[in-house]
């Protein structure tokens, strides 16, 4: 059980660091020209948002947050 706890802790730290980096790379919701125009430009550029850098960052944030929660629960069960 000791090796499993250490491995889970290492994976948890990696998820934490990755989640911090991905969140810090994202822009704020009110950043850019679309905030001053009421979001009118967002609908035009929003078609391929999943393929954009921001869309990928959002997807990576979701995946890393889910992984962080799962590993945290697993580690809490092991302790």
Protein backbone atom coordinates (compact mmCIF):
# COMPACT_ATOMS: atom_id res chain seq x y z
CA UNK A 1 0.00 0.00 0.00
CA UNK A 2 2.91 2.37 0.59
CA UNK A 3 3.98 2.37 -3.05
CA UNK A 4 0.40 2.99 -4.20
CA UNK A 5 0.10 6.02 -1.90
CA UNK A 6 3.38 7.44 -3.16
CA UNK A 7 2.37 6.89 -6.79
CA UNK A 8 -1.04 8.50 -6.21
CA UNK A 9 0.61 11.46 -4.48
CA UNK A 10 3.04 11.96 -7.37
CA UNK A 11 0.19 11.80 -9.90
CA UNK A 12 -1.81 14.26 -7.77
CA UNK A 13 1.08 16.74 -7.70
CA UNK A 14 1.45 16.44 -11.48
CA UNK A 15 -2.28 17.12 -11.94
CA UNK A 16 -2.02 20.11 -9.59
CA UNK A 17 0.88 21.66 -11.47
CA UNK A 18 -0.70 21.03 -14.86
CA UNK A 19 -4.02 22.49 -13.71
CA UNK A 20 -2.30 25.62 -12.38
CA UNK A 21 -0.40 26.11 -15.63
CA UNK A 22 -3.45 25.59 -17.84
CA UNK A 23 -5.60 27.97 -15.79
CA UNK A 24 -2.93 30.66 -15.82
CA UNK A 25 -2.59 30.42 -19.60
CA UNK A 26 -6.27 31.20 -20.15
CA UNK A 27 -7.55 34.67 -20.81
CA UNK A 28 -10.27 36.27 -18.75
CA UNK A 29 -13.86 36.22 -19.94
CA UNK A 30 -13.98 39.99 -20.24
CA UNK A 31 -10.71 40.27 -22.16
CA UNK A 32 -10.67 41.41 -25.74
CA UNK A 33 -12.84 43.41 -28.06
CA UNK A 34 -15.90 41.19 -27.67
CA UNK A 35 -16.50 42.46 -24.14
CA UNK A 36 -16.87 46.05 -25.30
CA UNK A 37 -19.13 45.12 -28.24
CA UNK A 38 -21.47 42.99 -26.19
CA UNK A 39 -20.23 39.68 -27.55
CA UNK A 40 -21.26 40.28 -31.16
CA UNK A 41 -17.89 39.18 -32.50
CA UNK A 42 -17.96 36.10 -30.30
CA UNK A 43 -20.68 34.49 -32.41
CA UNK A 44 -18.65 34.80 -35.61
CA UNK A 45 -15.43 33.43 -34.16
CA UNK A 46 -17.23 30.97 -31.89
CA UNK A 47 -17.87 28.49 -34.71
CA UNK A 48 -14.42 26.95 -34.51
CA UNK A 49 -13.79 27.64 -30.87
CA UNK A 50 -13.07 23.98 -30.09
CA UNK A 51 -10.22 24.07 -32.59
CA UNK A 52 -8.73 27.29 -31.26
CA UNK A 53 -6.05 27.58 -28.61
CA UNK A 54 -8.58 28.80 -26.05
CA UNK A 55 -10.89 25.88 -26.79
CA UNK A 56 -8.07 23.42 -26.27
CA UNK A 57 -7.08 25.10 -23.03
CA UNK A 58 -10.65 24.89 -21.81
CA UNK A 59 -10.82 21.19 -22.68
CA UNK A 60 -7.47 20.54 -20.97
CA UNK A 61 -8.68 22.40 -17.89
CA UNK A 62 -11.79 20.25 -17.68
CA UNK A 63 -9.85 17.01 -18.14
CA UNK A 64 -7.19 17.94 -15.61
CA UNK A 65 -9.79 19.07 -13.06
CA UNK A 66 -11.66 15.77 -13.39
CA UNK A 67 -8.39 13.86 -13.06
CA UNK A 68 -7.43 15.90 -10.02
CA UNK A 69 -10.75 15.18 -8.32
CA UNK A 70 -10.56 11.46 -9.07
CA UNK A 71 -6.99 11.11 -7.81
CA UNK A 72 -7.85 13.20 -4.72
CA UNK A 73 -10.76 10.91 -3.87
CA UNK A 74 -8.60 7.83 -4.48
CA UNK A 75 -5.89 9.21 -2.22
CA UNK A 76 -8.43 10.05 0.50
CA UNK A 77 -9.75 6.49 0.36
CA UNK A 78 -6.23 5.07 0.60
CA UNK A 79 -5.37 7.17 3.65
